[in-house]
C-alpha cells in the first residue's frame, strides 16, 4: 500500500484521527509523525514502544529520512521514497 505525503505532517498510529491507521497492539494511539520541512522529511517517534528506522531504535526522538529508509512501527514496515 502507498501512503503519499501530500500534507506537511503525516500522523501514524492506532487512533482513528491519524492519516495512517495501524491496527496493531504494539502501536500507540499517536505513535509517530512524518513532517515535511522544506525539501526534508523528518520522522518523529511519539510512542512508548519506540519505532525503528533502518533497524535503529528511535524513542521520543526525530531523524531525517532519506530515500529507501525502512521504518518499522510495531509489526508494520514501510519504505520511504521521495520522488521529488
PDB file of N, CA and C in Angstrom:
ATOM      1  N   UNK A   1       0.846  -1.182   0.000  1.00  0.00           N
ATOM      2  CA  UNK A   1       0.000   0.000   0.000  1.00  0.00           C
ATOM      3  C   UNK A   1       0.890   1.243   0.000  1.00  0.00           C
ATOM      4  N   UNK A   2       0.459   2.292  -0.672  1.00  0.00           N
ATOM      5  CA  UNK A   2       1.225   3.539  -0.768  1.00  0.00           C
ATOM      6  C   UNK A   2       0.503   4.626   0.015  1.00  0.00           C
ATOM      7  N   UNK A   3       1.272   5.347   0.846  1.00  0.00           N
ATOM      8  CA  UNK A   3       0.732   6.471   1.608  1.00  0.00           C
ATOM      9  C   UNK A   3       1.455   7.737   1.161  1.00  0.00           C
ATOM     10  N   UNK A   4       0.896   8.487   0.227  1.00  0.00           N
ATOM     11  CA  UNK A   4       1.569   9.711  -0.220  1.00  0.00           C
ATOM     12  C   UNK A   4       1.592  10.760   0.889  1.00  0.00           C
ATOM     13  N   UNK A   5       2.701  11.461   0.979  1.00  0.00           N
ATOM     14  CA  UNK A   5       2.819  12.539   1.961  1.00  0.00           C
ATOM     15  C   UNK A   5       2.524  13.832   1.220  1.00  0.00           C
ATOM     16  N   UNK A   6       1.244  14.156   1.143  1.00  0.00           N
ATOM     17  CA  UNK A   6       0.820  15.356   0.426  1.00  0.00           C
ATOM     18  C   UNK A   6       0.351  16.449   1.384  1.00  0.00           C
ATOM     19  N   UNK A   7       0.754  16.316   2.640  1.00  0.00           N
ATOM     20  CA  UNK A   7       0.478  17.319   3.670  1.00  0.00           C
ATOM     21  C   UNK A   7       1.805  17.619   4.356  1.00  0.00           C
ATOM     22  N   UNK A   8       1.840  18.666   5.178  1.00  0.00           N
ATOM     23  CA  UNK A   8       3.081  18.993   5.879  1.00  0.00           C
ATOM     24  C   UNK A   8       3.385  18.033   7.013  1.00  0.00           C
ATOM     25  N   UNK A   9       2.352  17.296   7.471  1.00  0.00           N
ATOM     26  CA  UNK A   9       2.549  16.370   8.581  1.00  0.00           C
ATOM     27  C   UNK A   9       1.654  15.149   8.393  1.00  0.00           C
ATOM     28  N   UNK A  10       2.246  13.970   8.381  1.00  0.00           N
ATOM     29  CA  UNK A  10       1.515  12.713   8.246  1.00  0.00           C
ATOM     30  C   UNK A  10       1.543  12.015   9.602  1.00  0.00           C
ATOM     31  N   UNK A  11       0.371  11.834  10.213  1.00  0.00           N
ATOM     32  CA  UNK A  11       0.274  11.219  11.539  1.00  0.00           C
ATOM     33  C   UNK A  11       0.029   9.721  11.399  1.00  0.00           C
ATOM     34  N   UNK A  12       0.736   8.948  12.218  1.00  0.00           N
ATOM     35  CA  UNK A  12       0.667   7.489  12.166  1.00  0.00           C
ATOM     36  C   UNK A  12       0.343   6.955  13.558  1.00  0.00           C
ATOM     37  N   UNK A  13      -0.631   6.060  13.639  1.00  0.00           N
ATOM     38  CA  UNK A  13      -0.951   5.460  14.932  1.00  0.00           C
ATOM     39  C   UNK A  13      -2.192   4.604  14.879  1.00  0.00           C
ATOM     40  N   UNK A  14      -2.619   4.160  16.056  1.00  0.00           N
ATOM     41  CA  UNK A  14      -3.772   3.270  16.165  1.00  0.00           C
ATOM     42  C   UNK A  14      -5.095   4.025  16.217  1.00  0.00           C
ATOM     43  N   UNK A  15      -5.079   5.300  16.623  1.00  0.00           N
ATOM     44  CA  UNK A  15      -6.298   6.081  16.830  1.00  0.00           C
ATOM     45  C   UNK A  15      -6.895   6.518  15.486  1.00  0.00           C
ATOM     46  N   UNK A  16      -8.200   6.668  15.451  1.00  0.00           N
ATOM     47  CA  UNK A  16      -8.926   6.928  14.196  1.00  0.00           C
ATOM     48  C   UNK A  16      -8.627   8.277  13.545  1.00  0.00           C
ATOM     49  N   UNK A  17      -8.024   9.223  14.257  1.00  0.00           N
ATOM     50  CA  UNK A  17      -7.762  10.534  13.649  1.00  0.00           C
ATOM     51  C   UNK A  17      -6.387  10.629  12.976  1.00  0.00           C
ATOM     52  N   UNK A  18      -5.674   9.524  12.879  1.00  0.00           N
ATOM     53  CA  UNK A  18      -4.384   9.507  12.192  1.00  0.00           C
ATOM     54  C   UNK A  18      -4.582   9.408  10.684  1.00  0.00           C
ATOM     55  N   UNK A  19      -3.580   9.849   9.941  1.00  0.00           N
ATOM     56  CA  UNK A  19      -3.610   9.714   8.481  1.00  0.00           C
ATOM     57  C   UNK A  19      -3.360   8.264   8.064  1.00  0.00           C
ATOM     58  N   UNK A  20      -2.487   7.590   8.791  1.00  0.00           N
ATOM     59  CA  UNK A  20      -2.211   6.168   8.581  1.00  0.00           C
ATOM     60  C   UNK A  20      -2.599   5.451   9.866  1.00  0.00           C
ATOM     61  N   UNK A  21      -3.622   4.610   9.792  1.00  0.00           N
ATOM     62  CA  UNK A  21      -4.140   3.908  10.968  1.00  0.00           C
ATOM     63  C   UNK A  21      -3.626   2.477  10.939  1.00  0.00           C
ATOM     64  N   UNK A  22      -2.944   2.083  12.030  1.00  0.00           N
ATOM     65  CA  UNK A  22      -2.378   0.741  12.131  1.00  0.00           C
ATOM     66  C   UNK A  22      -3.051   0.002  13.276  1.00  0.00           C
ATOM     67  N   UNK A  23      -3.754  -1.058  12.966  1.00  0.00           N
ATOM     68  CA  UNK A  23      -4.431  -1.863  13.981  1.00  0.00           C
ATOM     69  C   UNK A  23      -3.457  -2.922  14.494  1.00  0.00           C
ATOM     70  N   UNK A  24      -2.633  -2.518  15.442  1.00  0.00           N
ATOM     71  CA  UNK A  24      -1.585  -3.378  15.995  1.00  0.00           C
ATOM     72  C   UNK A  24      -1.432  -2.984  17.456  1.00  0.00           C
ATOM     73  N   UNK A  25      -1.491  -3.943  18.371  1.00  0.00           N
ATOM     74  CA  UNK A  25      -1.423  -3.645  19.803  1.00  0.00           C
ATOM     75  C   UNK A  25      -0.098  -2.985  20.197  1.00  0.00           C
ATOM     76  N   UNK A  26       0.963  -3.208  19.417  1.00  0.00           N
ATOM     77  CA  UNK A  26       2.264  -2.612  19.715  1.00  0.00           C
ATOM     78  C   UNK A  26       2.369  -1.165  19.236  1.00  0.00           C
ATOM     79  N   UNK A  27       1.341  -0.686  18.554  1.00  0.00           N
ATOM     80  CA  UNK A  27       1.328   0.681  18.027  1.00  0.00           C
ATOM     81  C   UNK A  27       0.542   1.571  18.983  1.00  0.00           C
ATOM     82  N   UNK A  28       1.121   2.709  19.350  1.00  0.00           N
ATOM     83  CA  UNK A  28       0.444   3.669  20.224  1.00  0.00           C
ATOM     84  C   UNK A  28      -0.658   4.396  19.465  1.00  0.00           C
ATOM     85  N   UNK A  29      -1.560   5.008  20.217  1.00  0.00           N
ATOM     86  CA  UNK A  29      -2.655   5.750  19.579  1.00  0.00           C
ATOM     87  C   UNK A  29      -2.129   6.834  18.653  1.00  0.00           C
ATOM     88  N   UNK A  30      -1.144   7.550  19.092  1.00  0.00           N
ATOM     89  CA  UNK A  30      -0.476   8.572  18.265  1.00  0.00           C
ATOM     90  C   UNK A  30       1.016   8.246  18.286  1.00  0.00           C
ATOM     91  N   UNK A  31       1.387   7.310  17.447  1.00  0.00           N
ATOM     92  CA  UNK A  31       2.703   6.679  17.530  1.00  0.00           C
ATOM     93  C   UNK A  31       3.833   7.554  16.980  1.00  0.00           C
ATOM     94  N   UNK A  32       3.622   8.111  15.793  1.00  0.00           N
ATOM     95  CA  UNK A  32       4.706   8.842  15.133  1.00  0.00           C
ATOM     96  C   UNK A  32       4.132   9.813  14.115  1.00  0.00           C
ATOM     97  N   UNK A  33       5.018  10.650  13.597  1.00  0.00           N
ATOM     98  CA  UNK A  33       4.612  11.546  12.513  1.00  0.00           C
ATOM     99  C   UNK A  33       5.795  11.764  11.584  1.00  0.00           C
ATOM    100  N   UNK A  34       5.466  12.049  10.334  1.00  0.00           N
ATOM    101  CA  UNK A  34       6.467  12.441   9.349  1.00  0.00           C
ATOM    102  C   UNK A  34       6.134  13.865   8.938  1.00  0.00           C
ATOM    103  N   UNK A  35       7.100  14.752   9.112  1.00  0.00           N
ATOM    104  CA  UNK A  35       6.898  16.166   8.789  1.00  0.00           C
ATOM    105  C   UNK A  35       7.768  16.551   7.605  1.00  0.00           C
ATOM    106  N   UNK A  36       7.213  17.370   6.728  1.00  0.00           N
ATOM    107  CA  UNK A  36       7.979  17.913   5.603  1.00  0.00           C
ATOM    108  C   UNK A  36       8.428  19.308   5.993  1.00  0.00           C
ATOM    109  N   UNK A  37       9.732  19.514   5.978  1.00  0.00           N
ATOM    110  CA  UNK A  37      10.313  20.811   6.312  1.00  0.00           C
ATOM    111  C   UNK A  37      11.199  21.200   5.130  1.00  0.00           C
ATOM    112  N   UNK A  38      10.706  22.106   4.302  1.00  0.00           N
ATOM    113  CA  UNK A  38      11.417  22.442   3.069  1.00  0.00           C
ATOM    114  C   UNK A  38      11.464  21.229   2.169  1.00  0.00           C
ATOM    115  N   UNK A  39      12.672  20.805   1.797  1.00  0.00           N
ATOM    116  CA  UNK A  39      12.845  19.604   0.973  1.00  0.00           C
ATOM    117  C   UNK A  39      13.203  18.378   1.803  1.00  0.00           C
ATOM    118  N   UNK A  40      13.098  18.498   3.121  1.00  0.00           N
ATOM    119  CA  UNK A  40      13.486  17.418   4.022  1.00  0.00           C
ATOM    120  C   UNK A  40      12.256  16.803   4.672  1.00  0.00           C
ATOM    121  N   UNK A  41      12.365  15.505   4.985  1.00  0.00           N
ATOM    122  CA  UNK A  41      11.306  14.788   5.691  1.00  0.00           C
ATOM    123  C   UNK A  41      11.870  14.283   7.010  1.00  0.00           C
ATOM    124  N   UNK A  42      11.174  14.592   8.094  1.00  0.00           N
ATOM    125  CA  UNK A  42      11.606  14.209   9.428  1.00  0.00           C
ATOM    126  C   UNK A  42      10.625  13.195  10.014  1.00  0.00           C
ATOM    127  N   UNK A  43      11.161  12.126  10.591  1.00  0.00           N
ATOM    128  CA  UNK A  43      10.348  11.122  11.277  1.00  0.00           C
ATOM    129  C   UNK A  43      10.507  11.347  12.768  1.00  0.00           C
ATOM    130  N   UNK A  44       9.387  11.506  13.481  1.00  0.00           N
ATOM    131  CA  UNK A  44       9.431  11.722  14.933  1.00  0.00           C
ATOM    132  C   UNK A  44       8.613  10.645  15.626  1.00  0.00           C
ATOM    133  N   UNK A  45       9.261   9.921  16.533  1.00  0.00           N
ATOM    134  CA  UNK A  45       8.576   8.914  17.336  1.00  0.00           C
ATOM    135  C   UNK A  45       7.930   9.601  18.530  1.00  0.00           C
ATOM    136  N   UNK A  46       6.672   9.259  18.807  1.00  0.00           N
ATOM    137  CA  UNK A  46       5.936   9.840  19.929  1.00  0.00           C
ATOM    138  C   UNK A  46       5.335   8.737  20.798  1.00  0.00           C
ATOM    139  N   UNK A  47       5.932   7.559  20.783  1.00  0.00           N
ATOM    140  CA  UNK A  47       5.315   6.385  21.392  1.00  0.00           C
ATOM    141  C   UNK A  47       6.041   5.937  22.651  1.00  0.00           C
ATOM    142  N   UNK A  48       5.415   4.981  23.335  1.00  0.00           N
ATOM    143  CA  UNK A  48       6.070   4.358  24.483  1.00  0.00           C
ATOM    144  C   UNK A  48       6.897   3.151  24.051  1.00  0.00           C
ATOM    145  N   UNK A  49       6.558   2.534  22.926  1.00  0.00           N
ATOM    146  CA  UNK A  49       7.265   1.339  22.460  1.00  0.00           C
ATOM    147  C   UNK A  49       8.410   1.636  21.505  1.00  0.00           C
ATOM    148  N   UNK A  50       8.457   2.844  20.977  1.00  0.00           N
ATOM    149  CA  UNK A  50       9.508   3.203  20.039  1.00  0.00           C
ATOM    150  C   UNK A  50       9.212   2.731  18.624  1.00  0.00           C
ATOM    151  N   UNK A  51      10.057   3.163  17.719  1.00  0.00           N
ATOM    152  CA  UNK A  51       9.989   2.818  16.301  1.00  0.00           C
ATOM    153  C   UNK A  51      11.410   2.513  15.861  1.00  0.00           C
ATOM    154  N   UNK A  52      11.539   2.012  14.643  1.00  0.00           N
ATOM    155  CA  UNK A  52      12.860   1.730  14.086  1.00  0.00           C
ATOM    156  C   UNK A  52      12.978   2.378  12.715  1.00  0.00           C
ATOM    157  N   UNK A  53      14.125   2.968  12.462  1.00  0.00           N
ATOM    158  CA  UNK A  53      14.469   3.455  11.129  1.00  0.00           C
ATOM    159  C   UNK A  53      15.788   2.781  10.771  1.00  0.00           C
ATOM    160  N   UNK A  54      15.739   1.958   9.725  1.00  0.00           N
ATOM    161  CA  UNK A  54      16.915   1.176   9.307  1.00  0.00           C
ATOM    162  C   UNK A  54      17.486   0.359  10.466  1.00  0.00           C
ATOM    163  N   UNK A  55      16.600  -0.284  11.214  1.00  0.00           N
ATOM    164  CA  UNK A  55      16.947  -1.159  12.344  1.00  0.00           C
ATOM    165  C   UNK A  55      17.543  -0.425  13.543  1.00  0.00           C
ATOM    166  N   UNK A  56      17.534   0.890  13.538  1.00  0.00           N
ATOM    167  CA  UNK A  56      17.990   1.666  14.700  1.00  0.00           C
ATOM    168  C   UNK A  56      16.759   2.131  15.465  1.00  0.00           C
ATOM    169  N   UNK A  57      16.723   1.807  16.775  1.00  0.00           N
ATOM    170  CA  UNK A  57      15.555   2.173  17.564  1.00  0.00           C
ATOM    171  C   UNK A  57      15.518   3.678  17.811  1.00  0.00           C
ATOM    172  N   UNK A  58      14.329   4.241  17.612  1.00  0.00           N
ATOM    173  CA  UNK A  58      14.084   5.663  17.821  1.00  0.00           C
ATOM    174  C   UNK A  58      13.009   5.757  18.903  1.00  0.00           C
ATOM    175  N   UNK A  59      13.331   6.350  20.039  1.00  0.00           N
ATOM    176  CA  UNK A  59      12.352   6.530  21.112  1.00  0.00           C
ATOM    177  C   UNK A  59      12.312   8.012  21.451  1.00  0.00           C
ATOM    178  N   UNK A  60      11.149   8.625  21.310  1.00  0.00           N
ATOM    179  CA  UNK A  60      10.964  10.060  21.588  1.00  0.00           C
ATOM    180  C   UNK A  60      12.037  10.901  20.909  1.00  0.00           C
ATOM    181  N   UNK A  61      12.404  10.554  19.709  1.00  0.00           N
ATOM    182  CA  UNK A  61      13.463  11.271  19.006  1.00  0.00           C
ATOM    183  C   UNK A  61      13.005  11.541  17.580  1.00  0.00           C
ATOM    184  N   UNK A  62      13.799  12.319  16.857  1.00  0.00           N
ATOM    185  CA  UNK A  62      13.468  12.705  15.491  1.00  0.00           C
ATOM    186  C   UNK A  62      14.687  12.455  14.615  1.00  0.00           C
ATOM    187  N   UNK A  63      14.457  11.874  13.433  1.00  0.00           N
ATOM    188  CA  UNK A  63      15.546  11.628  12.490  1.00  0.00           C
ATOM    189  C   UNK A  63      15.114  12.071  11.102  1.00  0.00           C
ATOM    190  N   UNK A  64      16.085  12.476  10.297  1.00  0.00           N
ATOM    191  CA  UNK A  64      15.781  12.840   8.915  1.00  0.00           C
ATOM    192  C   UNK A  64      15.705  11.570   8.074  1.00  0.00           C
ATOM    193  N   UNK A  65      14.679  11.497   7.234  1.00  0.00           N
ATOM    194  CA  UNK A  65      14.507  10.349   6.348  1.00  0.00           C
ATOM    195  C   UNK A  65      15.209  10.594   5.022  1.00  0.00           C
ATOM    196  N   UNK A  66      15.809   9.539   4.488  1.00  0.00           N
ATOM    197  CA  UNK A  66      16.402   9.602   3.160  1.00  0.00           C
ATOM    198  C   UNK A  66      15.805   8.475   2.317  1.00  0.00           C
ATOM    199  N   UNK A  67      15.925   8.599   1.019  1.00  0.00           N
ATOM    200  CA  UNK A  67      15.347   7.631   0.085  1.00  0.00           C
ATOM    201  C   UNK A  67      15.748   6.203   0.441  1.00  0.00           C
ATOM    202  N   UNK A  68      14.747   5.333   0.517  1.00  0.00           N
ATOM    203  CA  UNK A  68      14.998   3.926   0.777  1.00  0.00           C
ATOM    204  C   UNK A  68      15.007   3.535   2.235  1.00  0.00           C
ATOM    205  N   UNK A  69      14.895   4.504   3.150  1.00  0.00           N
ATOM    206  CA  UNK A  69      14.860   4.175   4.577  1.00  0.00           C
ATOM    207  C   UNK A  69      13.699   3.231   4.875  1.00  0.00           C
ATOM    208  N   UNK A  70      13.931   2.285   5.779  1.00  0.00           N
ATOM    209  CA  UNK A  70      12.903   1.346   6.214  1.00  0.00           C
ATOM    210  C   UNK A  70      12.448   1.754   7.611  1.00  0.00           C
ATOM    211  N   UNK A  71      11.159   2.025   7.735  1.00  0.00           N
ATOM    212  CA  UNK A  71      10.551   2.422   9.008  1.00  0.00           C
ATOM    213  C   UNK A  71       9.758   1.233   9.527  1.00  0.00           C
ATOM    214  N   UNK A  72       9.990   0.869  10.790  1.00  0.00           N
ATOM    215  CA  UNK A  72       9.232  -0.218  11.404  1.00  0.00           C
ATOM    216  C   UNK A  72       8.476   0.335  12.602  1.00  0.00           C
ATOM    217  N   UNK A  73       7.162   0.135  12.589  1.00  0.00           N
ATOM    218  CA  UNK A  73       6.280   0.561  13.673  1.00  0.00           C
ATOM    219  C   UNK A  73       5.454  -0.657  14.062  1.00  0.00           C
ATOM    220  N   UNK A  74       5.691  -1.179  15.263  1.00  0.00           N
ATOM    221  CA  UNK A  74       5.040  -2.431  15.642  1.00  0.00           C
ATOM    222  C   UNK A  74       5.461  -3.516  14.668  1.00  0.00           C
ATOM    223  N   UNK A  75       4.496  -4.237  14.103  1.00  0.00           N
ATOM    224  CA  UNK A  75       4.781  -5.298  13.129  1.00  0.00           C
ATOM    225  C   UNK A  75       4.784  -4.778  11.693  1.00  0.00           C
ATOM    226  N   UNK A  76       4.592  -3.487  11.521  1.00  0.00           N
ATOM    227  CA  UNK A  76       4.429  -2.873  10.197  1.00  0.00           C
ATOM    228  C   UNK A  76       5.742  -2.281   9.702  1.00  0.00           C
ATOM    229  N   UNK A  77       6.055  -2.551   8.430  1.00  0.00           N
ATOM    230  CA  UNK A  77       7.257  -1.985   7.808  1.00  0.00           C
ATOM    231  C   UNK A  77       6.859  -1.135   6.617  1.00  0.00           C
ATOM    232  N   UNK A  78       7.566  -0.012   6.475  1.00  0.00           N
ATOM    233  CA  UNK A  78       7.326   0.924   5.382  1.00  0.00           C
ATOM    234  C   UNK A  78       8.667   1.303   4.764  1.00  0.00           C
ATOM    235  N   UNK A  79       8.661   1.521   3.475  1.00  0.00           N
ATOM    236  CA  UNK A  79       9.850   2.017   2.786  1.00  0.00           C
ATOM    237  C   UNK A  79       9.579   3.453   2.376  1.00  0.00           C
ATOM    238  N   UNK A  80      10.451   4.368   2.808  1.00  0.00           N
ATOM    239  CA  UNK A  80      10.298   5.781   2.474  1.00  0.00           C
ATOM    240  C   UNK A  80      10.872   6.034   1.088  1.00  0.00           C
ATOM    241  N   UNK A  81      10.065   6.660   0.224  1.00  0.00           N
ATOM    242  CA  UNK A  81      10.505   7.035  -1.116  1.00  0.00           C
ATOM    243  C   UNK A  81      10.174   8.500  -1.351  1.00  0.00           C
ATOM    244  N   UNK A  82      11.177   9.261  -1.728  1.00  0.00           N
ATOM    245  CA  UNK A  82      10.980  10.661  -2.084  1.00  0.00           C
ATOM    246  C   UNK A  82      11.125  10.756  -3.601  1.00  0.00           C
ATOM    247  N   UNK A  83      10.011  10.992  -4.275  1.00  0.00           N
ATOM    248  CA  UNK A  83      10.013  11.031  -5.737  1.00  0.00           C
ATOM    249  C   UNK A  83      10.266  12.422  -6.300  1.00  0.00           C
ATOM    250  N   UNK A  84      10.570  13.377  -5.437  1.00  0.00           N
ATOM    251  CA  UNK A  84      10.792  14.752  -5.905  1.00  0.00           C
ATOM    252  C   UNK A  84      12.131  14.890  -6.584  1.00  0.00           C
TER     253      UNK A  84
END
